[in-house]
Each structure stands twice: as structure tokens, then as C-alpha cells.
Amino acid sequence: MKLEWMVRMFVVAGLGLVAVCPVVAADDNSSLQPLGTYVPHTNTSQTLTLPGGEGTLTANVWRSFYASQTGNALTWEWQVSAVYAGSRSVEWIRTQWYSQADLRNGASISMGVSGDSASASYSSSWQTVRTPTKYWTNNNGAKESDYRGNLVIGPAVDYRQGSIVTVNTASVKLAGDPKTYTISAGV
């Protein structure tokens, strides 16, 4: 009887410990992490406080810290988002992005979206090459817009290590407000 009571108390205590243990996120911007396993990454957020107490607009940008190499290609994961926090209705919200890197000898960069690749000229000199700007807009009343993909550079030998930059610009148009609000973040 005493043993049964002790087992019950242990189970109850154990459940209590499980219930109160905090879940520690791997990163402050855990909502921007890929689903599944944790990927080491670099990220930043910039927040704009809108006038008149209309809320805030945040630009988030996330890119895996390490590139994976397959053959001559380097690949990073990336994700961007625009988030409006406030009580106003949203007419539309947009996340707009590009990446750039120092390339040479005809090397190319692409973020995995149709028509967004760019290439260096055929020269041994380093050139800063930028992808065309692309965007994703939600105009269905949502307060967030996000997009994700893979960034590919190749050949790897014609990429200057550490020169990659990814920039996200968040924009929002609130219902009844003639202004469009914008803020950018980059990693």
C-alpha cells in the first residue's frame, strides 16, 4: 500500500515537472525557422512604430548560416516576412526581397523564384551582383506576408566567401489610411 502511494506521488510529481518546464525556443524569431530540425542561421528584425497608435510593422529576414555544397553550387535556405501588429484592418501587406554577393567569371546567383537570377560578367575582377527584387503580397485582410526558398550561387570558386547579403522590405497599407508604411532589414 505504501509502495503504491509512493508510485502515485512520483507519477503526479513527474507530471507536475513536465507541466511547468518551459519550452526554450532555439531562436528569438522561432516563427521564422524551417519546420523540422533546427538549422543554424542568421536573422534580424526591424520594427517601425506607426503614428497615431496604429500599431507596428516588422520586417524579418532569415538565412541559413552555412551553405551546403553540391558539386559546384552553394545553397542557403532563406525566409522573409512582413508582420503588422495592431487593431487596424489591413488593405494589403507585402514582403519584398533580394540578395547580392560578390561574384566573378560569369558566376550566377538565384533565390529560386522565376526570373530572379543574375550573373557576373566574364571577368576575374569581383563584382557585386544583385538578384532582381521579388515580392509576395497578401490582400485578403491578413496581417502577415511571408515567403521562403533556396538561394543558389555557382560556381562556388567564383563566390567571395562571406559577401552574401539578403534584404527584406516590409510594407503595409492600412484601410482608411492614405499612407503606405515601409521598413527594411538585412543579413
Protein backbone atom coordinates (compact mmCIF):
# COMPACT_ATOMS: atom_id res chain seq x y z
CA MET A 1 0.00 0.00 0.00
CA LYS A 2 2.81 2.38 0.94
CA LEU A 3 4.71 1.48 -2.24
CA GLU A 4 1.59 2.09 -4.37
CA TRP A 5 1.12 5.51 -2.72
CA MET A 6 4.78 6.41 -3.37
CA VAL A 7 4.48 5.41 -7.04
CA ARG A 8 1.35 7.54 -7.43
CA MET A 9 3.07 10.54 -5.81
CA PHE A 10 6.10 10.08 -8.07
CA VAL A 11 3.91 10.00 -11.19
CA VAL A 12 1.96 13.09 -10.08
CA ALA A 13 5.18 14.94 -9.22
CA GLY A 14 6.70 13.92 -12.54
CA LEU A 15 3.66 15.20 -14.42
CA GLY A 16 3.89 18.44 -12.47
CA LEU A 17 7.52 18.84 -13.53
CA VAL A 18 6.64 18.24 -17.14
CA ALA A 19 3.82 20.76 -16.97
CA VAL A 20 5.96 23.57 -15.57
CA CYS A 21 9.17 23.05 -17.58
CA PRO A 22 9.47 25.91 -20.07
CA VAL A 23 9.96 25.18 -23.72
CA VAL A 24 13.06 27.05 -24.84
CA ALA A 25 12.96 28.25 -28.43
CA ALA A 26 16.13 27.83 -30.42
CA ASP A 27 15.92 31.46 -31.54
CA ASP A 28 14.03 34.65 -30.78
CA ASN A 29 12.44 34.51 -34.24
CA SER A 30 11.36 30.89 -33.91
CA SER A 31 8.36 31.54 -36.15
CA LEU A 32 10.83 32.04 -38.99
CA GLN A 33 12.61 28.72 -38.52
CA PRO A 34 12.08 25.94 -41.03
CA LEU A 35 9.77 23.16 -39.98
CA GLY A 36 11.55 20.09 -38.71
CA THR A 37 15.13 20.11 -37.49
CA TYR A 38 16.86 23.27 -36.30
CA VAL A 39 19.12 24.88 -38.90
CA PRO A 40 21.90 27.21 -37.71
CA HIS A 41 21.06 30.58 -39.19
CA THR A 42 21.49 34.31 -39.12
CA ASN A 43 18.46 36.55 -38.78
CA THR A 44 17.34 40.03 -37.89
CA SER A 45 14.17 42.04 -37.42
CA GLN A 46 13.47 45.75 -37.72
CA THR A 47 10.26 47.27 -36.35
CA LEU A 48 8.57 50.52 -37.31
CA THR A 49 6.12 52.09 -34.86
CA LEU A 50 3.28 53.56 -36.88
CA PRO A 51 1.98 57.04 -35.99
CA GLY A 52 -1.22 57.63 -34.09
CA GLY A 53 -1.07 54.37 -32.16
CA GLU A 54 -1.87 52.36 -35.29
CA GLY A 55 0.47 49.50 -34.32
CA THR A 56 3.82 48.27 -35.61
CA LEU A 57 5.26 46.85 -38.82
CA THR A 58 8.13 44.37 -38.59
CA ALA A 59 10.47 43.19 -41.35
CA ASN A 60 12.04 39.78 -40.64
CA VAL A 61 14.81 38.16 -42.68
CA TRP A 62 16.36 34.74 -42.05
CA ARG A 63 19.12 32.85 -43.88
CA SER A 64 20.90 29.62 -43.01
CA PHE A 65 24.35 30.36 -41.65
CA TYR A 66 26.17 27.68 -43.62
CA ALA A 67 25.85 26.98 -47.31
CA SER A 68 25.61 23.37 -48.39
CA GLN A 69 27.76 22.50 -51.40
CA THR A 70 26.73 20.06 -54.10
CA GLY A 71 29.20 19.88 -56.94
CA ASN A 72 29.97 23.48 -57.91
CA ALA A 73 26.83 25.02 -56.35
CA LEU A 74 26.39 26.63 -52.93
CA THR A 75 22.88 26.60 -51.43
CA TRP A 76 21.42 28.53 -48.48
CA GLU A 77 17.85 28.42 -47.11
CA TRP A 78 16.12 31.77 -46.65
CA GLN A 79 12.83 33.17 -45.39
CA VAL A 80 11.34 36.66 -45.16
CA SER A 81 8.18 38.09 -43.66
CA ALA A 82 6.26 41.28 -43.03
CA VAL A 83 4.15 41.37 -39.88
CA TYR A 84 1.65 44.02 -38.85
CA ALA A 85 0.65 44.12 -35.18
CA GLY A 86 -2.26 46.39 -34.44
CA SER A 87 -6.02 46.69 -34.38
CA ARG A 88 -6.48 48.35 -37.79
CA SER A 89 -7.76 46.44 -40.82
CA VAL A 90 -5.11 45.72 -43.43
CA GLU A 91 -5.74 46.58 -47.08
CA TRP A 92 -2.56 44.79 -48.14
CA ILE A 93 0.78 43.69 -46.68
CA ARG A 94 3.89 42.85 -48.68
CA THR A 95 7.28 41.25 -48.17
CA GLN A 96 9.86 42.18 -50.85
CA TRP A 97 13.34 40.70 -51.08
CA TYR A 98 16.64 40.44 -52.94
CA SER A 99 20.11 39.03 -52.34
CA GLN A 100 23.52 40.12 -53.52
CA ALA A 101 27.04 38.72 -53.43
CA ASP A 102 30.49 39.36 -54.86
CA LEU A 103 30.93 37.15 -57.93
CA ARG A 104 33.23 36.89 -60.96
CA ASN A 105 33.81 34.91 -64.17
CA GLY A 106 30.13 34.58 -65.10
CA ALA A 107 29.03 33.11 -61.75
CA SER A 108 25.29 33.37 -61.05
CA ILE A 109 23.00 33.94 -58.07
CA SER A 110 19.33 32.97 -57.76
CA MET A 111 16.80 32.91 -54.91
CA GLY A 112 14.72 30.18 -56.52
CA VAL A 113 11.93 32.39 -57.85
CA SER A 114 11.17 32.57 -61.57
CA GLY A 115 13.14 35.30 -63.32
CA ASP A 116 15.24 36.30 -60.33
CA SER A 117 18.71 35.10 -61.35
CA ALA A 118 21.62 37.42 -62.09
CA SER A 119 25.17 36.81 -63.28
CA ALA A 120 28.57 38.45 -63.10
CA SER A 121 30.33 39.42 -66.31
CA TYR A 122 33.19 37.25 -67.55
CA SER A 123 35.99 38.99 -65.69
CA SER A 124 38.41 37.92 -62.97
CA SER A 125 37.52 41.08 -61.03
CA TRP A 126 34.97 40.79 -58.23
CA GLN A 127 31.58 42.36 -58.95
CA THR A 128 28.64 42.86 -56.59
CA VAL A 129 25.76 41.08 -58.32
CA ARG A 130 22.17 41.55 -57.12
CA THR A 131 19.11 39.47 -57.89
CA PRO A 132 16.04 41.25 -59.26
CA THR A 133 13.66 42.27 -56.45
CA LYS A 134 10.67 39.98 -55.97
CA TYR A 135 7.69 40.26 -53.64
CA TRP A 136 4.68 38.49 -52.16
CA THR A 137 1.56 40.46 -51.26
CA ASN A 138 -1.43 39.40 -49.17
CA ASN A 139 -4.52 41.49 -49.88
CA ASN A 140 -7.06 39.25 -48.16
CA GLY A 141 -7.04 41.04 -44.81
CA ALA A 142 -4.13 39.01 -43.43
CA LYS A 143 -1.70 40.80 -41.12
CA GLU A 144 1.34 38.85 -42.30
CA SER A 145 3.03 38.05 -45.59
CA ASP A 146 5.93 35.61 -45.85
CA TYR A 147 7.96 33.72 -48.41
CA ARG A 148 10.79 31.19 -48.32
CA GLY A 149 13.11 29.39 -50.68
CA ASN A 150 16.67 28.37 -51.51
CA LEU A 151 19.43 30.73 -52.59
CA VAL A 152 21.93 29.21 -55.03
CA ILE A 153 25.31 30.56 -56.16
CA GLY A 154 27.62 28.83 -58.58
CA PRO A 155 30.28 28.04 -59.33
CA ALA A 156 31.48 28.14 -55.73
CA VAL A 157 35.04 29.07 -56.69
CA ASP A 158 33.78 32.37 -58.17
CA TYR A 159 31.94 33.46 -55.00
CA ARG A 160 33.75 35.68 -52.49
CA GLN A 161 33.30 33.97 -49.11
CA GLY A 162 31.15 35.94 -46.67
CA SER A 163 29.87 38.50 -49.18
CA ILE A 164 26.26 37.25 -49.30
CA VAL A 165 23.58 39.74 -48.19
CA THR A 166 19.79 39.21 -48.10
CA VAL A 167 17.45 42.19 -47.67
CA ASN A 168 13.72 42.19 -46.91
CA THR A 169 11.45 45.23 -47.13
CA ALA A 170 8.10 45.03 -45.36
CA SER A 171 5.24 47.31 -46.47
CA VAL A 172 1.68 47.69 -45.25
CA LYS A 173 -1.36 49.71 -46.34
CA LEU A 174 -3.98 50.08 -43.63
CA ALA A 175 -7.63 50.52 -44.55
CA GLY A 176 -8.62 54.18 -44.45
CA ASP A 177 -5.02 55.43 -44.23
CA PRO A 178 -3.63 57.12 -47.37
CA LYS A 179 -0.02 56.32 -46.42
CA THR A 180 1.99 53.18 -47.08
CA TYR A 181 4.42 52.23 -44.30
CA THR A 182 7.74 50.53 -45.05
CA ILE A 183 10.77 49.21 -43.18
CA SER A 184 13.74 47.06 -44.23
CA ALA A 185 16.02 44.50 -42.57
CA GLY A 186 19.07 42.71 -43.90
CA VAL A 187 21.50 39.92 -43.02
